[in-house]
Amino acid sequence: MSDIKCILVDVDHVLISKVEEVDVEIGQPNCKLTNPVVFESLEKMKPLVEASNDVEFMIRSEDILTIADPAPEVIEKYLELTS
């Protein structure tokens, strides 16, 4: 299984990212997103933050509504964008 996931962070915002759970103190961000991209459609995928050179972002698992496996073509496009 790939560590690349679709992450629904609110009703209108889907991210595609490598996801890793991190052990931290309660209340601290505990999911590391590496190379997250905003997904609108297969043709419209862009970096989460274009104003930053950072490739790792922390988020609390409580802020994620759901996680799913992306379609193979989404993974392929993600890998093209983040390579």
N, C-alpha and C. Protein backbone atom coordinates (compact mmCIF):
# COMPACT_ATOMS: atom_id res chain seq x y z
N MET A 1 0.85 -1.18 0.00
CA MET A 1 0.00 0.00 0.00
C MET A 1 0.89 1.24 0.00
N SER A 2 0.51 2.21 -0.77
CA SER A 2 1.27 3.45 -0.89
C SER A 2 1.03 4.34 0.33
N ASP A 3 2.02 5.15 0.67
CA ASP A 3 1.83 6.12 1.75
C ASP A 3 1.30 7.44 1.21
N ILE A 4 0.97 7.48 -0.09
CA ILE A 4 0.36 8.67 -0.70
C ILE A 4 -1.15 8.53 -0.51
N LYS A 5 -1.75 9.57 0.07
CA LYS A 5 -3.17 9.51 0.42
C LYS A 5 -3.92 10.75 -0.06
N CYS A 6 -5.23 10.59 -0.22
CA CYS A 6 -6.17 11.71 -0.39
C CYS A 6 -6.60 12.09 1.01
N ILE A 7 -6.51 13.37 1.32
CA ILE A 7 -6.86 13.84 2.66
C ILE A 7 -7.92 14.92 2.52
N LEU A 8 -9.08 14.68 3.08
CA LEU A 8 -10.15 15.67 3.09
C LEU A 8 -10.01 16.48 4.37
N VAL A 9 -9.64 17.77 4.23
CA VAL A 9 -9.43 18.60 5.42
C VAL A 9 -10.64 19.48 5.74
N ASP A 10 -11.50 19.69 4.79
CA ASP A 10 -12.84 20.24 5.03
C ASP A 10 -13.66 19.93 3.79
N VAL A 11 -14.88 20.34 3.78
CA VAL A 11 -15.79 19.91 2.73
C VAL A 11 -15.27 20.21 1.32
N ASP A 12 -14.54 21.30 1.14
CA ASP A 12 -14.11 21.70 -0.20
C ASP A 12 -12.61 21.56 -0.45
N HIS A 13 -11.85 21.00 0.46
CA HIS A 13 -10.39 20.97 0.30
C HIS A 13 -9.83 19.57 0.42
N VAL A 14 -9.29 19.09 -0.71
CA VAL A 14 -8.66 17.78 -0.76
C VAL A 14 -7.18 17.97 -1.03
N LEU A 15 -6.35 17.29 -0.25
CA LEU A 15 -4.91 17.30 -0.46
C LEU A 15 -4.48 15.90 -0.86
N ILE A 16 -3.45 15.84 -1.71
CA ILE A 16 -2.78 14.59 -2.02
C ILE A 16 -1.39 14.72 -1.42
N SER A 17 -0.98 13.76 -0.61
CA SER A 17 0.28 13.90 0.09
C SER A 17 0.78 12.56 0.59
N LYS A 18 2.09 12.50 0.82
CA LYS A 18 2.64 11.41 1.61
C LYS A 18 2.31 11.74 3.05
N VAL A 19 1.85 10.75 3.81
CA VAL A 19 1.39 10.97 5.18
C VAL A 19 2.14 10.03 6.13
N GLU A 20 2.57 10.60 7.24
CA GLU A 20 3.24 9.81 8.26
C GLU A 20 2.72 10.24 9.62
N GLU A 21 2.31 9.29 10.44
CA GLU A 21 1.88 9.60 11.79
C GLU A 21 3.12 9.74 12.68
N VAL A 22 3.12 10.77 13.54
CA VAL A 22 4.27 11.09 14.38
C VAL A 22 3.82 11.06 15.85
N ASP A 23 4.66 10.46 16.72
CA ASP A 23 4.37 10.47 18.15
C ASP A 23 4.73 11.82 18.75
N VAL A 24 3.75 12.50 19.34
CA VAL A 24 3.96 13.81 19.98
C VAL A 24 3.08 13.88 21.22
N GLU A 25 3.23 14.96 21.96
CA GLU A 25 2.36 15.18 23.12
C GLU A 25 0.94 15.46 22.65
N ILE A 26 -0.02 15.11 23.50
CA ILE A 26 -1.43 15.32 23.19
C ILE A 26 -1.67 16.79 22.85
N GLY A 27 -2.41 17.02 21.77
CA GLY A 27 -2.75 18.38 21.34
C GLY A 27 -1.81 18.94 20.30
N GLN A 28 -0.63 18.33 20.13
CA GLN A 28 0.33 18.80 19.14
C GLN A 28 0.01 18.16 17.78
N PRO A 29 0.41 18.81 16.67
CA PRO A 29 0.21 18.19 15.36
C PRO A 29 0.91 16.83 15.30
N ASN A 30 0.18 15.80 14.86
CA ASN A 30 0.73 14.45 14.88
C ASN A 30 0.75 13.75 13.53
N CYS A 31 0.48 14.47 12.46
CA CYS A 31 0.58 13.92 11.11
C CYS A 31 1.51 14.80 10.29
N LYS A 32 2.52 14.17 9.70
CA LYS A 32 3.44 14.91 8.84
C LYS A 32 3.04 14.69 7.38
N LEU A 33 2.77 15.78 6.69
CA LEU A 33 2.46 15.74 5.27
C LEU A 33 3.72 16.14 4.51
N THR A 34 4.15 15.30 3.59
CA THR A 34 5.33 15.59 2.79
C THR A 34 4.89 15.83 1.35
N ASN A 35 5.30 16.97 0.80
CA ASN A 35 4.95 17.38 -0.57
C ASN A 35 3.43 17.39 -0.81
N PRO A 36 2.65 18.02 0.07
CA PRO A 36 1.20 18.06 -0.16
C PRO A 36 0.86 18.94 -1.36
N VAL A 37 -0.10 18.48 -2.13
CA VAL A 37 -0.62 19.28 -3.25
C VAL A 37 -2.13 19.40 -3.09
N VAL A 38 -2.65 20.54 -3.52
CA VAL A 38 -4.09 20.78 -3.51
C VAL A 38 -4.67 20.10 -4.75
N PHE A 39 -5.70 19.30 -4.54
CA PHE A 39 -6.35 18.58 -5.64
C PHE A 39 -7.70 19.20 -5.93
N GLU A 40 -7.85 19.73 -7.15
CA GLU A 40 -9.15 20.19 -7.61
C GLU A 40 -9.67 19.23 -8.68
N SER A 41 -8.77 18.78 -9.53
CA SER A 41 -9.06 17.77 -10.55
C SER A 41 -7.71 17.23 -11.00
N LEU A 42 -7.70 16.23 -11.85
CA LEU A 42 -6.44 15.66 -12.32
C LEU A 42 -5.62 16.72 -13.06
N GLU A 43 -6.29 17.63 -13.73
CA GLU A 43 -5.61 18.70 -14.46
C GLU A 43 -5.23 19.89 -13.56
N LYS A 44 -5.85 19.97 -12.39
CA LYS A 44 -5.62 21.10 -11.48
C LYS A 44 -5.09 20.61 -10.14
N MET A 45 -3.79 20.34 -10.11
CA MET A 45 -3.10 19.97 -8.88
C MET A 45 -1.94 20.92 -8.73
N LYS A 46 -1.81 21.53 -7.54
CA LYS A 46 -0.73 22.50 -7.33
C LYS A 46 -0.20 22.38 -5.91
N PRO A 47 1.03 22.83 -5.68
CA PRO A 47 1.59 22.76 -4.32
C PRO A 47 0.68 23.45 -3.31
N LEU A 48 0.67 22.91 -2.09
CA LEU A 48 -0.15 23.49 -1.03
C LEU A 48 0.20 24.94 -0.78
N VAL A 49 1.48 25.22 -0.67
CA VAL A 49 1.93 26.58 -0.40
C VAL A 49 2.99 26.94 -1.43
N GLU A 50 2.64 27.79 -2.37
CA GLU A 50 3.60 28.18 -3.40
C GLU A 50 4.59 29.22 -2.89
N ALA A 51 4.30 29.84 -1.76
CA ALA A 51 5.17 30.90 -1.23
C ALA A 51 6.24 30.35 -0.30
N SER A 52 6.31 29.03 -0.14
CA SER A 52 7.26 28.44 0.79
C SER A 52 8.08 27.37 0.08
N ASN A 53 9.33 27.23 0.50
CA ASN A 53 10.17 26.16 -0.01
C ASN A 53 10.05 24.90 0.85
N ASP A 54 9.27 24.97 1.94
CA ASP A 54 9.08 23.81 2.81
C ASP A 54 8.36 22.70 2.05
N VAL A 55 8.74 21.47 2.33
CA VAL A 55 8.07 20.32 1.73
C VAL A 55 7.36 19.47 2.78
N GLU A 56 7.57 19.79 4.06
CA GLU A 56 6.92 19.05 5.14
C GLU A 56 6.05 20.00 5.96
N PHE A 57 4.83 19.55 6.23
CA PHE A 57 3.88 20.33 7.00
C PHE A 57 3.25 19.43 8.05
N MET A 58 2.99 19.98 9.21
CA MET A 58 2.38 19.22 10.30
C MET A 58 0.90 19.61 10.42
N ILE A 59 0.08 18.62 10.72
CA ILE A 59 -1.36 18.83 10.91
C ILE A 59 -1.83 17.90 12.02
N ARG A 60 -2.83 18.33 12.75
CA ARG A 60 -3.41 17.47 13.78
C ARG A 60 -4.36 16.48 13.11
N SER A 61 -4.31 15.24 13.51
CA SER A 61 -5.20 14.24 12.92
C SER A 61 -6.67 14.62 13.14
N GLU A 62 -6.96 15.38 14.20
CA GLU A 62 -8.33 15.82 14.47
C GLU A 62 -8.83 16.79 13.40
N ASP A 63 -7.91 17.41 12.64
CA ASP A 63 -8.30 18.35 11.59
C ASP A 63 -8.54 17.66 10.24
N ILE A 64 -8.35 16.36 10.19
CA ILE A 64 -8.57 15.59 8.96
C ILE A 64 -9.94 14.93 9.07
N LEU A 65 -10.79 15.18 8.07
CA LEU A 65 -12.12 14.57 8.08
C LEU A 65 -12.07 13.11 7.67
N THR A 66 -11.29 12.81 6.64
CA THR A 66 -11.15 11.42 6.20
C THR A 66 -9.89 11.28 5.35
N ILE A 67 -9.41 10.05 5.24
CA ILE A 67 -8.25 9.72 4.42
C ILE A 67 -8.64 8.55 3.53
N ALA A 68 -8.24 8.62 2.26
CA ALA A 68 -8.55 7.54 1.31
C ALA A 68 -7.36 7.30 0.40
N ASP A 69 -7.36 6.16 -0.25
CA ASP A 69 -6.33 5.87 -1.24
C ASP A 69 -6.71 6.57 -2.55
N PRO A 70 -5.77 7.31 -3.14
CA PRO A 70 -6.06 7.98 -4.41
C PRO A 70 -6.06 6.98 -5.57
N ALA A 71 -6.72 7.37 -6.65
CA ALA A 71 -6.73 6.57 -7.87
C ALA A 71 -5.31 6.50 -8.45
N PRO A 72 -4.98 5.43 -9.16
CA PRO A 72 -3.64 5.30 -9.73
C PRO A 72 -3.20 6.49 -10.60
N GLU A 73 -4.12 7.06 -11.37
CA GLU A 73 -3.75 8.20 -12.21
C GLU A 73 -3.45 9.45 -11.38
N VAL A 74 -4.09 9.57 -10.22
CA VAL A 74 -3.79 10.69 -9.32
C VAL A 74 -2.39 10.51 -8.72
N ILE A 75 -2.07 9.29 -8.31
CA ILE A 75 -0.72 9.01 -7.79
C ILE A 75 0.33 9.31 -8.84
N GLU A 76 0.08 8.90 -10.07
CA GLU A 76 1.02 9.15 -11.17
C GLU A 76 1.25 10.65 -11.37
N LYS A 77 0.19 11.42 -11.40
CA LYS A 77 0.30 12.88 -11.57
C LYS A 77 1.01 13.50 -10.37
N TYR A 78 0.68 13.05 -9.16
CA TYR A 78 1.33 13.55 -7.94
C TYR A 78 2.85 13.32 -8.02
N LEU A 79 3.24 12.12 -8.41
CA LEU A 79 4.67 11.80 -8.50
C LEU A 79 5.37 12.65 -9.55
N GLU A 80 4.69 12.93 -10.65
CA GLU A 80 5.25 13.83 -11.69
C GLU A 80 5.50 15.22 -11.11
N LEU A 81 4.52 15.72 -10.34
CA LEU A 81 4.61 17.08 -9.78
C LEU A 81 5.66 17.20 -8.67
N THR A 82 5.89 16.13 -7.93
CA THR A 82 6.76 16.23 -6.75
C THR A 82 8.14 15.63 -6.96
N SER A 83 8.42 15.13 -8.13
CA SER A 83 9.75 14.53 -8.39
C SER A 83 10.78 15.58 -8.70
